[in-house]
Protein backbone atom coordinates (compact mmCIF):
# COMPACT_ATOMS: atom_id res chain seq x y z
CA MET A 1 -19.54 -23.93 16.37
CA SER A 2 -21.47 -22.00 19.08
CA ALA A 3 -25.21 -21.05 18.65
CA ALA A 4 -23.85 -17.41 18.32
CA ASN A 5 -22.09 -18.10 15.02
CA ALA A 6 -24.35 -21.13 13.74
CA ARG A 7 -23.86 -19.90 10.14
CA GLY A 8 -19.97 -20.38 10.65
CA SER A 9 -17.24 -17.89 10.54
CA VAL A 10 -14.79 -16.40 8.02
CA SER A 11 -11.34 -14.89 8.19
CA VAL A 12 -10.63 -12.09 5.42
CA ILE A 13 -7.01 -11.36 4.80
CA VAL A 14 -6.37 -7.83 3.37
CA ALA A 15 -3.07 -7.64 1.93
CA ALA A 16 -2.01 -3.90 1.63
CA ARG A 17 1.04 -1.83 0.92
CA ASP A 18 0.52 2.16 0.73
CA GLU A 19 -3.35 1.83 0.58
CA ALA A 20 -4.25 4.30 3.28
CA ARG A 21 -6.69 5.93 1.04
CA GLY A 22 -8.98 2.92 0.48
CA LEU A 23 -8.25 0.94 3.69
CA ALA A 24 -11.19 2.04 5.79
CA ASP A 25 -13.54 1.30 3.09
CA THR A 26 -12.19 -2.16 2.25
CA VAL A 27 -12.29 -3.07 6.03
CA ALA A 28 -15.87 -1.87 6.29
CA ALA A 29 -16.92 -3.75 3.23
CA ALA A 30 -15.16 -7.05 4.57
CA LEU A 31 -16.77 -6.68 7.90
CA ALA A 32 -20.16 -6.24 6.46
CA ALA A 33 -19.85 -9.09 3.98
CA GLY A 34 -18.58 -11.41 6.60
CA TRP A 35 -21.23 -10.58 9.14
CA ALA A 36 -24.11 -10.91 6.52
CA ALA A 37 -22.91 -14.20 5.12
CA PHE A 38 -21.38 -15.90 8.28
CA GLY A 39 -22.49 -13.89 11.28
CA ASP A 40 -18.88 -14.09 12.67
CA VAL A 41 -15.88 -12.44 10.84
CA GLU A 42 -12.22 -11.45 11.60
CA VAL A 43 -10.48 -9.22 9.23
CA ILE A 44 -6.50 -9.50 9.27
CA VAL A 45 -4.81 -6.47 7.59
CA VAL A 46 -1.33 -7.31 6.66
CA ASP A 47 0.65 -4.17 6.07
CA ASP A 48 3.54 -5.05 3.82
CA GLY A 49 5.98 -2.24 4.48
CA SER A 50 3.78 0.74 3.82
CA ARG A 51 5.37 4.14 3.57
CA ASP A 52 2.20 6.04 3.90
CA ASP A 53 -0.15 6.46 6.78
CA MET A 54 -1.62 3.01 6.46
CA PRO A 55 -0.08 1.42 9.46
CA ALA A 56 -1.49 4.17 11.70
CA LEU A 57 -4.86 3.84 10.11
CA ALA A 58 -4.82 0.15 10.39
CA ALA A 59 -4.04 0.46 14.15
CA ARG A 60 -6.92 2.91 14.50
CA LEU A 61 -9.30 0.45 12.69
CA ALA A 62 -8.22 -2.40 14.98
CA ALA A 63 -8.75 -0.24 17.97
CA ASP A 64 -12.28 0.50 16.90
CA HIS A 65 -13.23 -2.89 15.86
CA PRO A 66 -12.28 -5.94 17.79
CA GLU A 67 -12.75 -8.07 14.75
CA VAL A 68 -9.76 -6.35 13.10
CA ARG A 69 -6.24 -7.39 13.47
CA VAL A 70 -3.17 -6.04 12.03
CA VAL A 71 0.16 -7.68 11.14
CA THR A 72 2.80 -5.47 10.10
CA HIS A 73 6.03 -6.12 7.85
CA ALA A 74 8.77 -3.68 8.75
CA ARG A 75 9.84 -3.76 5.13
CA ALA A 76 7.98 -4.96 1.88
CA LEU A 77 8.35 -8.74 1.60
CA GLY A 78 5.92 -9.33 -1.29
CA LEU A 79 2.57 -10.89 -1.56
CA GLY A 80 3.84 -14.48 -0.99
CA ALA A 81 4.86 -13.27 2.66
CA VAL A 82 1.40 -12.20 3.51
CA TYR A 83 0.08 -15.65 3.18
């Protein structure tokens, strides 16, 4: 652990399908909580075959925040495939 993240780090997995409406708020909350509690955070958004605008929104969030990563399933695989 480096001095920069002496409090530790956390990875938050956001499993989502067709959640474009709430994704930005969820990612913002996860980032804020991770920074406050640990000082170092990554948010992994797993798109489970969304049919709405969620994949494009997730890509924009990742472009805006280097702490956000996106994993995309071409079709819905279910919650078990997220983990």
